[in-house]
Amino acid sequence: MVGAGFRARRGELDLVCRRGSELVVVEVKTRSDASFGTPAEAVGPRKRRALMAAAAEYRALAHWRGPIRFAIVALTVAREGAFEAELIEDPFA
């Protein structure tokens, strides 16, 4: 992991990781139940635009020249406080 909680003017990056020669921006979403949709469904067009803008700002500040990918970690609270996790790579492709 390169960093966490990067605050930009138009959004926040939960996690910034490195995978080989790529930077991976990870959005972490948690839901206690599906009443308001799944965690992944919470990353809609507005959030996507905010992530892209924040990643562009991070790129400029970090002088990153390589590719940037995106991922979502969707967490759902299961029984007894445990979590069910799903990794969604390249959710905007």
PDB file of N, CA and C in Angstrom:
ATOM      1  N   MET A   1       0.850  -1.175   0.000  1.00  0.00           N
ATOM      2  CA  MET A   1       0.000   0.000   0.000  1.00  0.00           C
ATOM      3  C   MET A   1       0.893   1.235   0.000  1.00  0.00           C
ATOM      4  N   VAL A   2       0.505   2.205  -0.801  1.00  0.00           N
ATOM      5  CA  VAL A   2       1.249   3.446  -0.912  1.00  0.00           C
ATOM      6  C   VAL A   2       0.709   4.478   0.071  1.00  0.00           C
ATOM      7  N   GLY A   3      -0.631   4.532   0.220  1.00  0.00           N
ATOM      8  CA  GLY A   3      -1.231   5.517   1.110  1.00  0.00           C
ATOM      9  C   GLY A   3      -2.689   5.224   1.361  1.00  0.00           C
ATOM     10  N   ALA A   4      -3.236   5.965   2.315  1.00  0.00           N
ATOM     11  CA  ALA A   4      -4.654   5.816   2.662  1.00  0.00           C
ATOM     12  C   ALA A   4      -5.215   7.179   3.047  1.00  0.00           C
ATOM     13  N   GLY A   5      -6.476   7.386   2.720  1.00  0.00           N
ATOM     14  CA  GLY A   5      -7.164   8.611   3.130  1.00  0.00           C
ATOM     15  C   GLY A   5      -6.645   9.869   2.458  1.00  0.00           C
ATOM     16  N   PHE A   6      -6.271   9.791   1.189  1.00  0.00           N
ATOM     17  CA  PHE A   6      -5.811  10.978   0.464  1.00  0.00           C
ATOM     18  C   PHE A   6      -7.010  11.864   0.168  1.00  0.00           C
ATOM     19  N   ARG A   7      -6.974  13.085   0.670  1.00  0.00           N
ATOM     20  CA  ARG A   7      -8.066  14.036   0.435  1.00  0.00           C
ATOM     21  C   ARG A   7      -7.682  15.009  -0.670  1.00  0.00           C
ATOM     22  N   ALA A   8      -8.503  15.028  -1.686  1.00  0.00           N
ATOM     23  CA  ALA A   8      -8.308  15.941  -2.806  1.00  0.00           C
ATOM     24  C   ALA A   8      -9.411  16.989  -2.769  1.00  0.00           C
ATOM     25  N   ARG A   9      -9.338  17.962  -3.653  1.00  0.00           N
ATOM     26  CA  ARG A   9     -10.366  19.006  -3.685  1.00  0.00           C
ATOM     27  C   ARG A   9     -11.749  18.453  -4.014  1.00  0.00           C
ATOM     28  N   ARG A  10     -11.802  17.439  -4.863  1.00  0.00           N
ATOM     29  CA  ARG A  10     -13.102  16.940  -5.319  1.00  0.00           C
ATOM     30  C   ARG A  10     -13.373  15.502  -4.922  1.00  0.00           C
ATOM     31  N   GLY A  11     -12.724  15.000  -3.888  1.00  0.00           N
ATOM     32  CA  GLY A  11     -12.987  13.632  -3.470  1.00  0.00           C
ATOM     33  C   GLY A  11     -11.906  13.113  -2.552  1.00  0.00           C
ATOM     34  N   GLU A  12     -12.048  11.886  -2.171  1.00  0.00           N
ATOM     35  CA  GLU A  12     -11.081  11.237  -1.294  1.00  0.00           C
ATOM     36  C   GLU A  12     -10.777   9.850  -1.834  1.00  0.00           C
ATOM     37  N   LEU A  13      -9.510   9.457  -1.721  1.00  0.00           N
ATOM     38  CA  LEU A  13      -9.104   8.124  -2.124  1.00  0.00           C
ATOM     39  C   LEU A  13      -8.907   7.304  -0.854  1.00  0.00           C
ATOM     40  N   ASP A  14      -9.682   6.229  -0.715  1.00  0.00           N
ATOM     41  CA  ASP A  14      -9.583   5.402   0.490  1.00  0.00           C
ATOM     42  C   ASP A  14      -8.222   4.737   0.595  1.00  0.00           C
ATOM     43  N   LEU A  15      -7.810   4.049  -0.473  1.00  0.00           N
ATOM     44  CA  LEU A  15      -6.519   3.374  -0.499  1.00  0.00           C
ATOM     45  C   LEU A  15      -5.844   3.618  -1.838  1.00  0.00           C
ATOM     46  N   VAL A  16      -4.544   3.816  -1.785  1.00  0.00           N
ATOM     47  CA  VAL A  16      -3.744   3.908  -2.996  1.00  0.00           C
ATOM     48  C   VAL A  16      -2.680   2.822  -2.872  1.00  0.00           C
ATOM     49  N   CYS A  17      -2.718   1.872  -3.799  1.00  0.00           N
ATOM     50  CA  CYS A  17      -1.820   0.713  -3.745  1.00  0.00           C
ATOM     51  C   CYS A  17      -0.991   0.646  -5.021  1.00  0.00           C
ATOM     52  N   ARG A  18       0.043  -0.152  -4.945  1.00  0.00           N
ATOM     53  CA  ARG A  18       0.877  -0.366  -6.127  1.00  0.00           C
ATOM     54  C   ARG A  18       0.854  -1.844  -6.475  1.00  0.00           C
ATOM     55  N   ARG A  19       0.609  -2.132  -7.722  1.00  0.00           N
ATOM     56  CA  ARG A  19       0.630  -3.512  -8.224  1.00  0.00           C
ATOM     57  C   ARG A  19       1.510  -3.517  -9.457  1.00  0.00           C
ATOM     58  N   GLY A  20       2.742  -3.962  -9.260  1.00  0.00           N
ATOM     59  CA  GLY A  20       3.706  -3.927 -10.360  1.00  0.00           C
ATOM     60  C   GLY A  20       3.977  -2.497 -10.760  1.00  0.00           C
ATOM     61  N   SER A  21       3.775  -2.202 -12.030  1.00  0.00           N
ATOM     62  CA  SER A  21       4.025  -0.850 -12.541  1.00  0.00           C
ATOM     63  C   SER A  21       2.767   0.015 -12.546  1.00  0.00           C
ATOM     64  N   GLU A  22       1.699  -0.477 -11.927  1.00  0.00           N
ATOM     65  CA  GLU A  22       0.433   0.262 -11.918  1.00  0.00           C
ATOM     66  C   GLU A  22       0.102   0.767 -10.524  1.00  0.00           C
ATOM     67  N   LEU A  23      -0.591   1.885 -10.497  1.00  0.00           N
ATOM     68  CA  LEU A  23      -1.154   2.398  -9.262  1.00  0.00           C
ATOM     69  C   LEU A  23      -2.614   1.954  -9.242  1.00  0.00           C
ATOM     70  N   VAL A  24      -3.077   1.452  -8.114  1.00  0.00           N
ATOM     71  CA  VAL A  24      -4.464   1.000  -8.010  1.00  0.00           C
ATOM     72  C   VAL A  24      -5.156   1.827  -6.932  1.00  0.00           C
ATOM     73  N   VAL A  25      -6.195   2.535  -7.329  1.00  0.00           N
ATOM     74  CA  VAL A  25      -7.006   3.320  -6.410  1.00  0.00           C
ATOM     75  C   VAL A  25      -8.162   2.427  -5.969  1.00  0.00           C
ATOM     76  N   VAL A  26      -8.276   2.221  -4.653  1.00  0.00           N
ATOM     77  CA  VAL A  26      -9.276   1.298  -4.119  1.00  0.00           C
ATOM     78  C   VAL A  26     -10.317   2.073  -3.322  1.00  0.00           C
ATOM     79  N   GLU A  27     -11.564   1.932  -3.711  1.00  0.00           N
ATOM     80  CA  GLU A  27     -12.690   2.508  -2.972  1.00  0.00           C
ATOM     81  C   GLU A  27     -13.247   1.413  -2.078  1.00  0.00           C
ATOM     82  N   VAL A  28     -13.377   1.696  -0.795  1.00  0.00           N
ATOM     83  CA  VAL A  28     -13.901   0.721   0.162  1.00  0.00           C
ATOM     84  C   VAL A  28     -15.307   1.159   0.553  1.00  0.00           C
ATOM     85  N   LYS A  29     -16.278   0.284   0.339  1.00  0.00           N
ATOM     86  CA  LYS A  29     -17.669   0.566   0.688  1.00  0.00           C
ATOM     87  C   LYS A  29     -18.185  -0.518   1.612  1.00  0.00           C
ATOM     88  N   THR A  30     -18.878  -0.105   2.657  1.00  0.00           N
ATOM     89  CA  THR A  30     -19.418  -1.048   3.643  1.00  0.00           C
ATOM     90  C   THR A  30     -20.918  -0.826   3.783  1.00  0.00           C
ATOM     91  N   ARG A  31     -21.656  -1.904   3.894  1.00  0.00           N
ATOM     92  CA  ARG A  31     -23.096  -1.847   4.138  1.00  0.00           C
ATOM     93  C   ARG A  31     -23.439  -2.894   5.192  1.00  0.00           C
ATOM     94  N   SER A  32     -24.399  -2.565   6.047  1.00  0.00           N
ATOM     95  CA  SER A  32     -24.821  -3.522   7.072  1.00  0.00           C
ATOM     96  C   SER A  32     -25.905  -4.453   6.545  1.00  0.00           C
ATOM     97  N   ASP A  33     -26.614  -4.012   5.504  1.00  0.00           N
ATOM     98  CA  ASP A  33     -27.602  -4.871   4.844  1.00  0.00           C
ATOM     99  C   ASP A  33     -27.867  -4.292   3.458  1.00  0.00           C
ATOM    100  N   ALA A  34     -28.739  -4.933   2.714  1.00  0.00           N
ATOM    101  CA  ALA A  34     -28.993  -4.523   1.336  1.00  0.00           C
ATOM    102  C   ALA A  34     -30.176  -3.574   1.188  1.00  0.00           C
ATOM    103  N   SER A  35     -30.637  -2.977   2.287  1.00  0.00           N
ATOM    104  CA  SER A  35     -31.791  -2.069   2.227  1.00  0.00           C
ATOM    105  C   SER A  35     -31.595  -0.936   1.232  1.00  0.00           C
ATOM    106  N   PHE A  36     -30.388  -0.428   1.152  1.00  0.00           N
ATOM    107  CA  PHE A  36     -30.098   0.679   0.245  1.00  0.00           C
ATOM    108  C   PHE A  36     -29.190   0.243  -0.897  1.00  0.00           C
ATOM    109  N   GLY A  37     -29.188  -1.041  -1.208  1.00  0.00           N
ATOM    110  CA  GLY A  37     -28.363  -1.578  -2.282  1.00  0.00           C
ATOM    111  C   GLY A  37     -27.081  -2.174  -1.755  1.00  0.00           C
ATOM    112  N   THR A  38     -26.357  -2.783  -2.649  1.00  0.00           N
ATOM    113  CA  THR A  38     -25.097  -3.415  -2.275  1.00  0.00           C
ATOM    114  C   THR A  38     -24.019  -2.339  -2.134  1.00  0.00           C
ATOM    115  N   PRO A  39     -22.913  -2.673  -1.488  1.00  0.00           N
ATOM    116  CA  PRO A  39     -21.833  -1.691  -1.391  1.00  0.00           C
ATOM    117  C   PRO A  39     -21.333  -1.231  -2.766  1.00  0.00           C
ATOM    118  N   ALA A  40     -21.222  -2.157  -3.699  1.00  0.00           N
ATOM    119  CA  ALA A  40     -20.734  -1.795  -5.035  1.00  0.00           C
ATOM    120  C   ALA A  40     -21.703  -0.854  -5.755  1.00  0.00           C
ATOM    121  N   GLU A  41     -22.998  -1.013  -5.520  1.00  0.00           N
ATOM    122  CA  GLU A  41     -23.987  -0.141  -6.155  1.00  0.00           C
ATOM    123  C   GLU A  41     -23.887   1.298  -5.646  1.00  0.00           C
ATOM    124  N   ALA A  42     -23.253   1.498  -4.500  1.00  0.00           N
ATOM    125  CA  ALA A  42     -23.081   2.837  -3.946  1.00  0.00           C
ATOM    126  C   ALA A  42     -22.030   3.638  -4.708  1.00  0.00           C
ATOM    127  N   VAL A  43     -21.275   2.975  -5.562  1.00  0.00           N
ATOM    128  CA  VAL A  43     -20.268   3.661  -6.365  1.00  0.00           C
ATOM    129  C   VAL A  43     -20.884   3.923  -7.740  1.00  0.00           C
ATOM    130  N   GLY A  44     -21.674   4.980  -7.802  1.00  0.00           N
ATOM    131  CA  GLY A  44     -22.362   5.348  -9.029  1.00  0.00           C
ATOM    132  C   GLY A  44     -21.571   6.354  -9.848  1.00  0.00           C
ATOM    133  N   PRO A  45     -22.207   6.948 -10.831  1.00  0.00           N
ATOM    134  CA  PRO A  45     -21.526   7.886 -11.727  1.00  0.00           C
ATOM    135  C   PRO A  45     -20.917   9.091 -10.995  1.00  0.00           C
ATOM    136  N   ARG A  46     -21.615   9.625 -10.024  1.00  0.00           N
ATOM    137  CA  ARG A  46     -21.100  10.781  -9.283  1.00  0.00           C
ATOM    138  C   ARG A  46     -19.825  10.416  -8.511  1.00  0.00           C
ATOM    139  N   LYS A  47     -19.852   9.278  -7.827  1.00  0.00           N
ATOM    140  CA  LYS A  47     -18.677   8.822  -7.070  1.00  0.00           C
ATOM    141  C   LYS A  47     -17.537   8.498  -8.028  1.00  0.00           C
ATOM    142  N   ARG A  48     -17.870   7.918  -9.159  1.00  0.00           N
ATOM    143  CA  ARG A  48     -16.856   7.590 -10.161  1.00  0.00           C
ATOM    144  C   ARG A  48     -16.135   8.855 -10.621  1.00  0.00           C
ATOM    145  N   ARG A  49     -16.896   9.916 -10.907  1.00  0.00           N
ATOM    146  CA  ARG A  49     -16.284  11.181 -11.326  1.00  0.00           C
ATOM    147  C   ARG A  49     -15.383  11.745 -10.226  1.00  0.00           C
ATOM    148  N   ALA A  50     -15.843  11.661  -8.973  1.00  0.00           N
ATOM    149  CA  ALA A  50     -15.039  12.155  -7.851  1.00  0.00           C
ATOM    150  C   ALA A  50     -13.745  11.356  -7.712  1.00  0.00           C
ATOM    151  N   LEU A  51     -13.823  10.040  -7.877  1.00  0.00           N
ATOM    152  CA  LEU A  51     -12.628   9.195  -7.798  1.00  0.00           C
ATOM    153  C   LEU A  51     -11.641   9.536  -8.915  1.00  0.00           C
ATOM    154  N   MET A  52     -12.160   9.721 -10.113  1.00  0.00           N
ATOM    155  CA  MET A  52     -11.299  10.051 -11.252  1.00  0.00           C
ATOM    156  C   MET A  52     -10.604  11.397 -11.030  1.00  0.00           C
ATOM    157  N   ALA A  53     -11.349  12.377 -10.525  1.00  0.00           N
ATOM    158  CA  ALA A  53     -10.770  13.698 -10.269  1.00  0.00           C
ATOM    159  C   ALA A  53      -9.713  13.627  -9.167  1.00  0.00           C
ATOM    160  N   ALA A  54     -10.007  12.901  -8.095  1.00  0.00           N
ATOM    161  CA  ALA A  54      -9.048  12.760  -6.995  1.00  0.00           C
ATOM    162  C   ALA A  54      -7.803  12.008  -7.458  1.00  0.00           C
ATOM    163  N   ALA A  55      -7.983  10.992  -8.293  1.00  0.00           N
ATOM    164  CA  ALA A  55      -6.835  10.238  -8.823  1.00  0.00           C
ATOM    165  C   ALA A  55      -5.970  11.129  -9.717  1.00  0.00           C
ATOM    166  N   ALA A  56      -6.603  11.990 -10.496  1.00  0.00           N
ATOM    167  CA  ALA A  56      -5.846  12.913 -11.347  1.00  0.00           C
ATOM    168  C   ALA A  56      -5.033  13.882 -10.487  1.00  0.00           C
ATOM    169  N   GLU A  57      -5.626  14.358  -9.407  1.00  0.00           N
ATOM    170  CA  GLU A  57      -4.904  15.249  -8.497  1.00  0.00           C
ATOM    171  C   GLU A  57      -3.749  14.509  -7.820  1.00  0.00           C
ATOM    172  N   TYR A  58      -4.006  13.268  -7.394  1.00  0.00           N
ATOM    173  CA  TYR A  58      -2.946  12.453  -6.785  1.00  0.00           C
ATOM    174  C   TYR A  58      -1.797  12.253  -7.779  1.00  0.00           C
ATOM    175  N   ARG A  59      -2.156  11.952  -9.032  1.00  0.00           N
ATOM    176  CA  ARG A  59      -1.155  11.740 -10.083  1.00  0.00           C
ATOM    177  C   ARG A  59      -0.240  12.960 -10.197  1.00  0.00           C
ATOM    178  N   ALA A  60      -0.838  14.140 -10.216  1.00  0.00           N
ATOM    179  CA  ALA A  60      -0.054  15.365 -10.359  1.00  0.00           C
ATOM    180  C   ALA A  60       0.837  15.609  -9.143  1.00  0.00           C
ATOM    181  N   LEU A  61       0.294  15.454  -7.959  1.00  0.00           N
ATOM    182  CA  LEU A  61       1.065  15.712  -6.736  1.00  0.00           C
ATOM    183  C   LEU A  61       2.178  14.685  -6.514  1.00  0.00           C
ATOM    184  N   ALA A  62       1.920  13.438  -6.883  1.00  0.00           N
ATOM    185  CA  ALA A  62       2.905  12.368  -6.687  1.00  0.00           C
ATOM    186  C   ALA A  62       3.851  12.227  -7.879  1.00  0.00           C
ATOM    187  N   HIS A  63       3.605  13.023  -8.949  1.00  0.00           N
ATOM    188  CA  HIS A  63       4.396  12.939 -10.181  1.00  0.00           C
ATOM    189  C   HIS A  63       4.376  11.514 -10.748  1.00  0.00           C
ATOM    190  N   TRP A  64       3.214  10.876 -10.665  1.00  0.00           N
ATOM    191  CA  TRP A  64       3.052   9.514 -11.174  1.00  0.00           C
ATOM    192  C   TRP A  64       2.863   9.555 -12.679  1.00  0.00           C
ATOM    193  N   ARG A  65       3.639   8.786 -13.397  1.00  0.00           N
ATOM    194  CA  ARG A  65       3.561   8.768 -14.860  1.00  0.00           C
ATOM    195  C   ARG A  65       2.975   7.467 -15.398  1.00  0.00           C
ATOM    196  N   GLY A  66       2.837   6.459 -14.560  1.00  0.00           N
ATOM    197  CA  GLY A  66       2.344   5.165 -15.015  1.00  0.00           C
ATOM    198  C   GLY A  66       0.828   5.103 -15.044  1.00  0.00           C
ATOM    199  N   PRO A  67       0.306   3.943 -15.397  1.00  0.00           N
ATOM    200  CA  PRO A  67      -1.147   3.760 -15.466  1.00  0.00           C
ATOM    201  C   PRO A  67      -1.785   3.720 -14.074  1.00  0.00           C
ATOM    202  N   ILE A  68      -3.038   4.127 -14.033  1.00  0.00           N
ATOM    203  CA  ILE A  68      -3.829   4.065 -12.804  1.00  0.00           C
ATOM    204  C   ILE A  68      -5.050   3.203 -13.080  1.00  0.00           C
ATOM    205  N   ARG A  69      -5.268   2.223 -12.205  1.00  0.00           N
ATOM    206  CA  ARG A  69      -6.462   1.369 -12.289  1.00  0.00           C
ATOM    207  C   ARG A  69      -7.315   1.631 -11.064  1.00  0.00           C
ATOM    208  N   PHE A  70      -8.541   1.149 -11.116  1.00  0.00           N
ATOM    209  CA  PHE A  70      -9.468   1.316 -10.004  1.00  0.00           C
ATOM    210  C   PHE A  70      -9.979  -0.042  -9.546  1.00  0.00           C
ATOM    211  N   ALA A  71     -10.347  -0.121  -8.282  1.00  0.00           N
ATOM    212  CA  ALA A  71     -10.942  -1.329  -7.717  1.00  0.00           C
ATOM    213  C   ALA A  71     -11.889  -0.910  -6.604  1.00  0.00           C
ATOM    214  N   ILE A  72     -12.833  -1.786  -6.306  1.00  0.00           N
ATOM    215  CA  ILE A  72     -13.766  -1.574  -5.194  1.00  0.00           C
ATOM    216  C   ILE A  72     -13.657  -2.773  -4.268  1.00  0.00           C
ATOM    217  N   VAL A  73     -13.552  -2.510  -2.985  1.00  0.00           N
ATOM    218  CA  VAL A  73     -13.678  -3.557  -1.982  1.00  0.00           C
ATOM    219  C   VAL A  73     -15.043  -3.351  -1.358  1.00  0.00           C
ATOM    220  N   ALA A  74     -15.942  -4.292  -1.603  1.00  0.00           N
ATOM    221  CA  ALA A  74     -17.316  -4.229  -1.103  1.00  0.00           C
ATOM    222  C   ALA A  74     -17.432  -5.100   0.144  1.00  0.00           C
ATOM    223  N   LEU A  75     -17.722  -4.462   1.278  1.00  0.00           N
ATOM    224  CA  LEU A  75     -17.843  -5.183   2.547  1.00  0.00           C
ATOM    225  C   LEU A  75     -19.291  -5.179   3.002  1.00  0.00           C
ATOM    226  N   THR A  76     -19.784  -6.343   3.386  1.00  0.00           N
ATOM    227  CA  THR A  76     -21.131  -6.477   3.936  1.00  0.00           C
ATOM    228  C   THR A  76     -21.003  -7.121   5.307  1.00  0.00           C
ATOM    229  N   VAL A  77     -21.652  -6.520   6.292  1.00  0.00           N
ATOM    230  CA  VAL A  77     -21.593  -7.065   7.646  1.00  0.00           C
ATOM    231  C   VAL A  77     -22.376  -8.370   7.676  1.00  0.00           C
ATOM    232  N   ALA A  78     -21.724  -9.422   8.122  1.00  0.00           N
ATOM    233  CA  ALA A  78     -22.350 -10.742   8.226  1.00  0.00           C
ATOM    234  C   ALA A  78     -22.692 -11.001   9.693  1.00  0.00           C
ATOM    235  N   ARG A  79     -23.030 -12.238   9.975  1.00  0.00           N
ATOM    236  CA  ARG A  79     -23.372 -12.610  11.348  1.00  0.00           C
ATOM    237  C   ARG A  79     -22.235 -12.339  12.318  1.00  0.00           C
ATOM    238  N   GLU A  80     -22.594 -12.003  13.520  1.00  0.00           N
ATOM    239  CA  GLU A  80     -21.664 -11.816  14.632  1.00  0.00           C
ATOM    240  C   GLU A  80     -20.583 -10.788  14.339  1.00  0.00           C
ATOM    241  N   GLY A  81     -20.871  -9.804  13.477  1.00  0.00           N
ATOM    242  CA  GLY A  81     -19.935  -8.727  13.216  1.00  0.00           C
ATOM    243  C   GLY A  81     -18.839  -9.039  12.229  1.00  0.00           C
ATOM    244  N   ALA A  82     -18.823 -10.235  11.683  1.00  0.00           N
ATOM    245  CA  ALA A  82     -17.829 -10.563  10.656  1.00  0.00           C
ATOM    246  C   ALA A  82     -18.214  -9.854   9.354  1.00  0.00           C
ATOM    247  N   PHE A  83     -17.299  -9.844   8.407  1.00  0.00           N
ATOM    248  CA  PHE A  83     -17.557  -9.208   7.126  1.00  0.00           C
ATOM    249  C   PHE A  83     -17.466 -10.212   5.992  1.00  0.00           C
ATOM    250  N   GLU A  84     -18.296 -10.001   4.990  1.00  0.00           N
ATOM    251  CA  GLU A  84     -18.144 -10.693   3.716  1.00  0.00           C
ATOM    252  C   GLU A  84     -17.527  -9.663   2.780  1.00  0.00           C
ATOM    253  N   ALA A  85     -16.454 -10.040   2.115  1.00  0.00           N
ATOM    254  CA  ALA A  85     -15.735  -9.104   1.267  1.00  0.00           C
ATOM    255  C   ALA A  85     -15.739  -9.571  -0.188  1.00  0.00           C
ATOM    256  N   GLU A  86     -15.834  -8.596  -1.068  1.00  0.00           N
ATOM    257  CA  GLU A  86     -15.759  -8.867  -2.502  1.00  0.00           C
ATOM    258  C   GLU A  86     -14.832  -7.831  -3.128  1.00  0.00           C
ATOM    259  N   LEU A  87     -13.880  -8.285  -3.906  1.00  0.00           N
ATOM    260  CA  LEU A  87     -12.971  -7.399  -4.636  1.00  0.00           C
ATOM    261  C   LEU A  87     -13.460  -7.296  -6.073  1.00  0.00           C
ATOM    262  N   ILE A  88     -13.714  -6.075  -6.518  1.00  0.00           N
ATOM    263  CA  ILE A  88     -14.148  -5.843  -7.892  1.00  0.00           C
ATOM    264  C   ILE A  88     -13.052  -5.036  -8.580  1.00  0.00           C
ATOM    265  N   GLU A  89     -12.336  -5.700  -9.461  1.00  0.00           N
ATOM    266  CA  GLU A  89     -11.247  -5.031 -10.174  1.00  0.00           C
ATOM    267  C   GLU A  89     -11.785  -4.396 -11.456  1.00  0.00           C
ATOM    268  N   ASP A  90     -11.271  -3.243 -11.784  1.00  0.00           N
ATOM    269  CA  ASP A  90     -11.662  -2.492 -12.973  1.00  0.00           C
ATOM    270  C   ASP A  90     -13.181  -2.339 -13.089  1.00  0.00           C
ATOM    271  N   PRO A  91     -13.839  -1.765 -12.065  1.00  0.00           N
ATOM    272  CA  PRO A  91     -15.304  -1.668 -12.090  1.00  0.00           C
ATOM    273  C   PRO A  91     -15.848  -0.695 -13.131  1.00  0.00           C
ATOM    274  N   PHE A  92     -15.015   0.176 -13.663  1.00  0.00           N
ATOM    275  CA  PHE A  92     -15.486   1.177 -14.613  1.00  0.00           C
ATOM    276  C   PHE A  92     -15.154   0.825 -16.053  1.00  0.00           C
ATOM    277  N   ALA A  93     -14.597  -0.356 -16.265  1.00  0.00           N
ATOM    278  CA  ALA A  93     -14.195  -0.751 -17.631  1.00  0.00           C
ATOM    279  C   ALA A  93     -15.372  -1.223 -18.439  1.00  0.00           C
TER     280      ALA A  93
END
